[in-house]
Amino acid sequence: MTPKKKQKRRDYPRKRKHGTWFTVGQIIVILGAVLMIVIAIVDLIFQIASNPQDYAISYTFGQINPYLGIALAIVMGALILWLSVDRRIYNRMKIVLYALLIIVLAVIGGNIGALVVIIGGLILIFYRLSKE
Protein backbone atom coordinates (compact mmCIF):
# COMPACT_ATOMS: atom_id res chain seq x y z
CA MET A 1 0.00 0.00 0.00
CA THR A 2 1.21 3.45 -0.82
CA PRO A 3 1.11 6.14 1.84
CA LYS A 4 -1.80 8.55 1.81
CA LYS A 5 -1.14 11.75 -0.13
CA LYS A 6 -0.95 14.83 2.07
CA GLN A 7 -3.55 17.45 1.27
CA LYS A 8 -2.13 20.77 0.10
CA ARG A 9 -3.49 24.18 0.94
CA ARG A 10 -5.01 24.70 -2.49
CA ASP A 11 -6.86 21.37 -2.26
CA TYR A 12 -9.00 22.51 0.67
CA PRO A 13 -12.46 23.82 -0.18
CA ARG A 14 -12.56 27.60 -0.37
CA LYS A 15 -14.34 29.37 2.43
CA ARG A 16 -16.53 32.28 1.43
CA LYS A 17 -15.38 35.42 3.14
CA HIS A 18 -18.53 37.47 2.58
CA GLY A 19 -22.21 36.62 2.58
CA THR A 20 -25.10 36.94 0.17
CA TRP A 21 -25.96 40.54 1.01
CA PHE A 22 -22.40 41.59 0.30
CA THR A 23 -22.73 40.03 -3.15
CA VAL A 24 -26.07 41.77 -3.70
CA GLY A 25 -24.54 45.12 -2.70
CA GLN A 26 -21.57 44.55 -5.03
CA ILE A 27 -23.88 43.75 -7.96
CA ILE A 28 -25.92 46.90 -7.33
CA VAL A 29 -22.72 48.99 -7.11
CA ILE A 30 -21.46 47.52 -10.40
CA LEU A 31 -24.79 48.19 -12.14
CA GLY A 32 -24.81 51.75 -10.79
CA ALA A 33 -21.26 52.39 -12.00
CA VAL A 34 -22.12 51.11 -15.48
CA LEU A 35 -25.26 53.26 -15.41
CA MET A 36 -23.14 56.31 -14.49
CA ILE A 37 -20.89 55.76 -17.50
CA VAL A 38 -23.78 55.09 -19.91
CA ILE A 39 -25.72 58.16 -18.78
CA ALA A 40 -22.60 60.32 -19.13
CA ILE A 41 -22.07 59.08 -22.71
CA VAL A 42 -25.74 59.73 -23.57
CA ASP A 43 -25.43 63.23 -22.05
CA LEU A 44 -22.34 63.81 -24.19
CA ILE A 45 -24.24 62.85 -27.35
CA PHE A 46 -27.17 65.11 -26.47
CA GLN A 47 -24.82 67.93 -25.46
CA ILE A 48 -23.11 67.88 -28.86
CA ALA A 49 -26.50 67.83 -30.62
CA SER A 50 -27.94 70.71 -28.58
CA ASN A 51 -26.55 74.10 -27.65
CA PRO A 52 -22.99 73.53 -26.37
CA GLN A 53 -23.08 76.75 -24.31
CA ASP A 54 -25.57 75.38 -21.78
CA TYR A 55 -24.60 74.40 -18.27
CA ALA A 56 -25.04 70.89 -16.99
CA ILE A 57 -26.70 70.39 -13.63
CA SER A 58 -24.71 68.17 -11.30
CA TYR A 59 -26.13 66.87 -8.02
CA THR A 60 -22.88 67.71 -6.28
CA PHE A 61 -21.55 70.88 -7.87
CA GLY A 62 -24.70 72.64 -9.10
CA GLN A 63 -24.25 74.24 -12.51
CA ILE A 64 -20.93 73.34 -14.08
CA ASN A 65 -19.42 73.08 -17.53
CA PRO A 66 -21.18 70.13 -19.18
CA TYR A 67 -17.97 68.55 -20.45
CA LEU A 68 -16.44 68.70 -16.97
CA GLY A 69 -19.54 67.04 -15.53
CA ILE A 70 -19.43 64.32 -18.18
CA ALA A 71 -15.72 63.72 -17.60
CA LEU A 72 -16.23 63.53 -13.83
CA ALA A 73 -19.08 61.04 -14.22
CA ILE A 74 -17.11 58.80 -16.58
CA VAL A 75 -13.94 58.85 -14.46
CA MET A 76 -15.79 58.24 -11.19
CA GLY A 77 -17.90 55.49 -12.77
CA ALA A 78 -14.79 53.75 -14.07
CA LEU A 79 -13.06 54.12 -10.69
CA ILE A 80 -16.06 52.70 -8.82
CA LEU A 81 -16.29 49.85 -11.32
CA TRP A 82 -12.60 49.06 -10.82
CA LEU A 83 -12.93 49.19 -7.03
CA SER A 84 -15.90 46.86 -7.03
CA VAL A 85 -14.51 44.32 -9.50
CA ASP A 86 -10.97 44.05 -8.10
CA ARG A 87 -11.17 41.54 -5.27
CA ARG A 88 -7.88 42.65 -3.69
CA ILE A 89 -9.38 46.02 -2.73
CA TYR A 90 -12.37 44.92 -0.68
CA ASN A 91 -10.61 41.94 0.88
CA ARG A 92 -7.93 44.21 2.38
CA MET A 93 -10.16 47.08 3.50
CA LYS A 94 -12.82 47.19 6.16
CA ILE A 95 -16.21 46.89 4.51
CA VAL A 96 -17.60 50.10 6.02
CA LEU A 97 -14.58 52.12 4.86
CA TYR A 98 -14.84 50.54 1.42
CA ALA A 99 -18.56 51.37 1.18
CA LEU A 100 -18.00 54.96 2.33
CA LEU A 101 -15.24 55.39 -0.28
CA ILE A 102 -17.59 54.16 -2.99
CA ILE A 103 -20.38 56.47 -1.78
CA VAL A 104 -18.06 59.51 -1.78
CA LEU A 105 -16.85 58.72 -5.30
CA ALA A 106 -20.45 58.31 -6.46
CA VAL A 107 -21.41 61.69 -5.00
CA ILE A 108 -18.51 63.31 -6.85
CA GLY A 109 -19.72 61.64 -10.08
CA GLY A 110 -23.13 63.15 -9.50
CA ASN A 111 -25.67 61.72 -11.95
CA ILE A 112 -28.60 59.29 -11.68
CA GLY A 113 -26.30 56.26 -11.60
CA ALA A 114 -24.74 57.65 -8.43
CA LEU A 115 -28.02 57.08 -6.59
CA VAL A 116 -27.90 53.38 -7.47
CA VAL A 117 -24.27 53.20 -6.30
CA ILE A 118 -25.22 54.87 -3.01
CA ILE A 119 -27.98 52.30 -2.46
CA GLY A 120 -25.47 49.51 -3.07
CA GLY A 121 -23.01 51.12 -0.67
CA LEU A 122 -25.69 51.37 2.01
CA ILE A 123 -26.48 47.68 1.55
CA LEU A 124 -22.79 46.93 2.14
CA ILE A 125 -22.77 49.05 5.31
CA PHE A 126 -25.93 47.40 6.66
CA TYR A 127 -24.48 43.97 5.83
CA ARG A 128 -21.46 44.76 7.98
CA LEU A 129 -23.58 46.16 10.80
CA SER A 130 -25.79 43.07 10.79
CA LYS A 131 -22.77 40.81 11.32
CA GLU A 132 -21.85 42.51 14.60
C-alpha atoms as a PDB file:
ATOM      1  CA  MET A   1       0.000   0.000   0.000  1.00  0.00           C
ATOM      2  CA  THR A   2       1.208   3.454  -0.816  1.00  0.00           C
ATOM      3  CA  PRO A   3       1.110   6.136   1.841  1.00  0.00           C
ATOM      4  CA  LYS A   4      -1.799   8.554   1.811  1.00  0.00           C
ATOM      5  CA  LYS A   5      -1.137  11.748  -0.127  1.00  0.00           C
ATOM      6  CA  LYS A   6      -0.951  14.827   2.073  1.00  0.00           C
ATOM      7  CA  GLN A   7      -3.553  17.446   1.267  1.00  0.00           C
ATOM      8  CA  LYS A   8      -2.131  20.766   0.101  1.00  0.00           C
ATOM      9  CA  ARG A   9      -3.490  24.177   0.943  1.00  0.00           C
ATOM     10  CA  ARG A  10      -5.010  24.697  -2.495  1.00  0.00           C
ATOM     11  CA  ASP A  11      -6.862  21.368  -2.264  1.00  0.00           C
ATOM     12  CA  TYR A  12      -9.003  22.507   0.672  1.00  0.00           C
ATOM     13  CA  PRO A  13     -12.457  23.815  -0.184  1.00  0.00           C
ATOM     14  CA  ARG A  14     -12.564  27.600  -0.374  1.00  0.00           C
ATOM     15  CA  LYS A  15     -14.340  29.366   2.425  1.00  0.00           C
ATOM     16  CA  ARG A  16     -16.526  32.285   1.427  1.00  0.00           C
ATOM     17  CA  LYS A  17     -15.376  35.423   3.136  1.00  0.00           C
ATOM     18  CA  HIS A  18     -18.530  37.468   2.576  1.00  0.00           C
ATOM     19  CA  GLY A  19     -22.205  36.616   2.581  1.00  0.00           C
ATOM     20  CA  THR A  20     -25.096  36.935   0.170  1.00  0.00           C
ATOM     21  CA  TRP A  21     -25.962  40.545   1.005  1.00  0.00           C
ATOM     22  CA  PHE A  22     -22.403  41.593   0.299  1.00  0.00           C
ATOM     23  CA  THR A  23     -22.725  40.027  -3.155  1.00  0.00           C
ATOM     24  CA  VAL A  24     -26.071  41.770  -3.705  1.00  0.00           C
ATOM     25  CA  GLY A  25     -24.536  45.116  -2.704  1.00  0.00           C
ATOM     26  CA  GLN A  26     -21.573  44.546  -5.026  1.00  0.00           C
ATOM     27  CA  ILE A  27     -23.876  43.750  -7.962  1.00  0.00           C
ATOM     28  CA  ILE A  28     -25.919  46.897  -7.326  1.00  0.00           C
ATOM     29  CA  VAL A  29     -22.723  48.988  -7.108  1.00  0.00           C
ATOM     30  CA  ILE A  30     -21.459  47.521 -10.402  1.00  0.00           C
ATOM     31  CA  LEU A  31     -24.790  48.188 -12.136  1.00  0.00           C
ATOM     32  CA  GLY A  32     -24.812  51.748 -10.787  1.00  0.00           C
ATOM     33  CA  ALA A  33     -21.255  52.393 -12.004  1.00  0.00           C
ATOM     34  CA  VAL A  34     -22.119  51.106 -15.476  1.00  0.00           C
ATOM     35  CA  LEU A  35     -25.255  53.263 -15.409  1.00  0.00           C
ATOM     36  CA  MET A  36     -23.135  56.311 -14.485  1.00  0.00           C
ATOM     37  CA  ILE A  37     -20.891  55.756 -17.501  1.00  0.00           C
ATOM     38  CA  VAL A  38     -23.780  55.088 -19.909  1.00  0.00           C
ATOM     39  CA  ILE A  39     -25.718  58.163 -18.775  1.00  0.00           C
ATOM     40  CA  ALA A  40     -22.602  60.317 -19.133  1.00  0.00           C
ATOM     41  CA  ILE A  41     -22.072  59.080 -22.706  1.00  0.00           C
ATOM     42  CA  VAL A  42     -25.736  59.728 -23.566  1.00  0.00           C
ATOM     43  CA  ASP A  43     -25.425  63.227 -22.055  1.00  0.00           C
ATOM     44  CA  LEU A  44     -22.342  63.812 -24.191  1.00  0.00           C
ATOM     45  CA  ILE A  45     -24.240  62.855 -27.349  1.00  0.00           C
ATOM     46  CA  PHE A  46     -27.169  65.113 -26.468  1.00  0.00           C
ATOM     47  CA  GLN A  47     -24.816  67.929 -25.456  1.00  0.00           C
ATOM     48  CA  ILE A  48     -23.112  67.881 -28.855  1.00  0.00           C
ATOM     49  CA  ALA A  49     -26.502  67.832 -30.624  1.00  0.00           C
ATOM     50  CA  SER A  50     -27.944  70.707 -28.579  1.00  0.00           C
ATOM     51  CA  ASN A  51     -26.548  74.102 -27.649  1.00  0.00           C
ATOM     52  CA  PRO A  52     -22.987  73.533 -26.366  1.00  0.00           C
ATOM     53  CA  GLN A  53     -23.078  76.751 -24.309  1.00  0.00           C
ATOM     54  CA  ASP A  54     -25.574  75.384 -21.776  1.00  0.00           C
ATOM     55  CA  TYR A  55     -24.603  74.400 -18.266  1.00  0.00           C
ATOM     56  CA  ALA A  56     -25.040  70.886 -16.987  1.00  0.00           C
ATOM     57  CA  ILE A  57     -26.698  70.390 -13.628  1.00  0.00           C
ATOM     58  CA  SER A  58     -24.714  68.170 -11.302  1.00  0.00           C
ATOM     59  CA  TYR A  59     -26.125  66.874  -8.021  1.00  0.00           C
ATOM     60  CA  THR A  60     -22.879  67.714  -6.279  1.00  0.00           C
ATOM     61  CA  PHE A  61     -21.548  70.881  -7.870  1.00  0.00           C
ATOM     62  CA  GLY A  62     -24.698  72.638  -9.100  1.00  0.00           C
ATOM     63  CA  GLN A  63     -24.250  74.240 -12.508  1.00  0.00           C
ATOM     64  CA  ILE A  64     -20.927  73.337 -14.083  1.00  0.00           C
ATOM     65  CA  ASN A  65     -19.424  73.082 -17.527  1.00  0.00           C
ATOM     66  CA  PRO A  66     -21.177  70.127 -19.184  1.00  0.00           C
ATOM     67  CA  TYR A  67     -17.968  68.554 -20.454  1.00  0.00           C
ATOM     68  CA  LEU A  68     -16.441  68.705 -16.973  1.00  0.00           C
ATOM     69  CA  GLY A  69     -19.541  67.042 -15.529  1.00  0.00           C
ATOM     70  CA  ILE A  70     -19.434  64.324 -18.181  1.00  0.00           C
ATOM     71  CA  ALA A  71     -15.723  63.721 -17.602  1.00  0.00           C
ATOM     72  CA  LEU A  72     -16.233  63.526 -13.827  1.00  0.00           C
ATOM     73  CA  ALA A  73     -19.084  61.044 -14.215  1.00  0.00           C
ATOM     74  CA  ILE A  74     -17.106  58.797 -16.581  1.00  0.00           C
ATOM     75  CA  VAL A  75     -13.939  58.852 -14.461  1.00  0.00           C
ATOM     76  CA  MET A  76     -15.786  58.243 -11.192  1.00  0.00           C
ATOM     77  CA  GLY A  77     -17.899  55.493 -12.768  1.00  0.00           C
ATOM     78  CA  ALA A  78     -14.786  53.749 -14.072  1.00  0.00           C
ATOM     79  CA  LEU A  79     -13.060  54.119 -10.694  1.00  0.00           C
ATOM     80  CA  ILE A  80     -16.061  52.697  -8.819  1.00  0.00           C
ATOM     81  CA  LEU A  81     -16.287  49.854 -11.324  1.00  0.00           C
ATOM     82  CA  TRP A  82     -12.600  49.057 -10.817  1.00  0.00           C
ATOM     83  CA  LEU A  83     -12.928  49.193  -7.027  1.00  0.00           C
ATOM     84  CA  SER A  84     -15.905  46.864  -7.032  1.00  0.00           C
ATOM     85  CA  VAL A  85     -14.507  44.325  -9.498  1.00  0.00           C
ATOM     86  CA  ASP A  86     -10.966  44.055  -8.102  1.00  0.00           C
ATOM     87  CA  ARG A  87     -11.169  41.541  -5.268  1.00  0.00           C
ATOM     88  CA  ARG A  88      -7.882  42.651  -3.689  1.00  0.00           C
ATOM     89  CA  ILE A  89      -9.375  46.016  -2.728  1.00  0.00           C
ATOM     90  CA  TYR A  90     -12.371  44.922  -0.683  1.00  0.00           C
ATOM     91  CA  ASN A  91     -10.608  41.941   0.884  1.00  0.00           C
ATOM     92  CA  ARG A  92      -7.928  44.212   2.379  1.00  0.00           C
ATOM     93  CA  MET A  93     -10.162  47.083   3.504  1.00  0.00           C
ATOM     94  CA  LYS A  94     -12.817  47.187   6.163  1.00  0.00           C
ATOM     95  CA  ILE A  95     -16.212  46.895   4.511  1.00  0.00           C
ATOM     96  CA  VAL A  96     -17.600  50.103   6.018  1.00  0.00           C
ATOM     97  CA  LEU A  97     -14.580  52.121   4.858  1.00  0.00           C
ATOM     98  CA  TYR A  98     -14.839  50.536   1.416  1.00  0.00           C
ATOM     99  CA  ALA A  99     -18.558  51.366   1.177  1.00  0.00           C
ATOM    100  CA  LEU A 100     -18.000  54.961   2.329  1.00  0.00           C
ATOM    101  CA  LEU A 101     -15.241  55.389  -0.278  1.00  0.00           C
ATOM    102  CA  ILE A 102     -17.589  54.161  -2.991  1.00  0.00           C
ATOM    103  CA  ILE A 103     -20.378  56.471  -1.780  1.00  0.00           C
ATOM    104  CA  VAL A 104     -18.057  59.514  -1.778  1.00  0.00           C
ATOM    105  CA  LEU A 105     -16.850  58.723  -5.303  1.00  0.00           C
ATOM    106  CA  ALA A 106     -20.455  58.315  -6.455  1.00  0.00           C
ATOM    107  CA  VAL A 107     -21.413  61.689  -4.996  1.00  0.00           C
ATOM    108  CA  ILE A 108     -18.510  63.309  -6.851  1.00  0.00           C
ATOM    109  CA  GLY A 109     -19.719  61.637 -10.076  1.00  0.00           C
ATOM    110  CA  GLY A 110     -23.134  63.149  -9.503  1.00  0.00           C
ATOM    111  CA  ASN A 111     -25.668  61.719 -11.946  1.00  0.00           C
ATOM    112  CA  ILE A 112     -28.602  59.292 -11.681  1.00  0.00           C
ATOM    113  CA  GLY A 113     -26.300  56.258 -11.602  1.00  0.00           C
ATOM    114  CA  ALA A 114     -24.745  57.647  -8.432  1.00  0.00           C
ATOM    115  CA  LEU A 115     -28.023  57.085  -6.594  1.00  0.00           C
ATOM    116  CA  VAL A 116     -27.901  53.380  -7.475  1.00  0.00           C
ATOM    117  CA  VAL A 117     -24.273  53.196  -6.301  1.00  0.00           C
ATOM    118  CA  ILE A 118     -25.224  54.874  -3.012  1.00  0.00           C
ATOM    119  CA  ILE A 119     -27.984  52.300  -2.462  1.00  0.00           C
ATOM    120  CA  GLY A 120     -25.469  49.506  -3.072  1.00  0.00           C
ATOM    121  CA  GLY A 121     -23.007  51.118  -0.669  1.00  0.00           C
ATOM    122  CA  LEU A 122     -25.692  51.371   2.006  1.00  0.00           C
ATOM    123  CA  ILE A 123     -26.482  47.678   1.554  1.00  0.00           C
ATOM    124  CA  LEU A 124     -22.786  46.932   2.137  1.00  0.00           C
ATOM    125  CA  ILE A 125     -22.771  49.046   5.310  1.00  0.00           C
ATOM    126  CA  PHE A 126     -25.928  47.398   6.660  1.00  0.00           C
ATOM    127  CA  TYR A 127     -24.484  43.973   5.830  1.00  0.00           C
ATOM    128  CA  ARG A 128     -21.457  44.757   7.975  1.00  0.00           C
ATOM    129  CA  LEU A 129     -23.576  46.164  10.799  1.00  0.00           C
ATOM    130  CA  SER A 130     -25.794  43.075  10.793  1.00  0.00           C
ATOM    131  CA  LYS A 131     -22.773  40.811  11.316  1.00  0.00           C
ATOM    132  CA  GLU A 132     -21.849  42.511  14.600  1.00  0.00           C
END
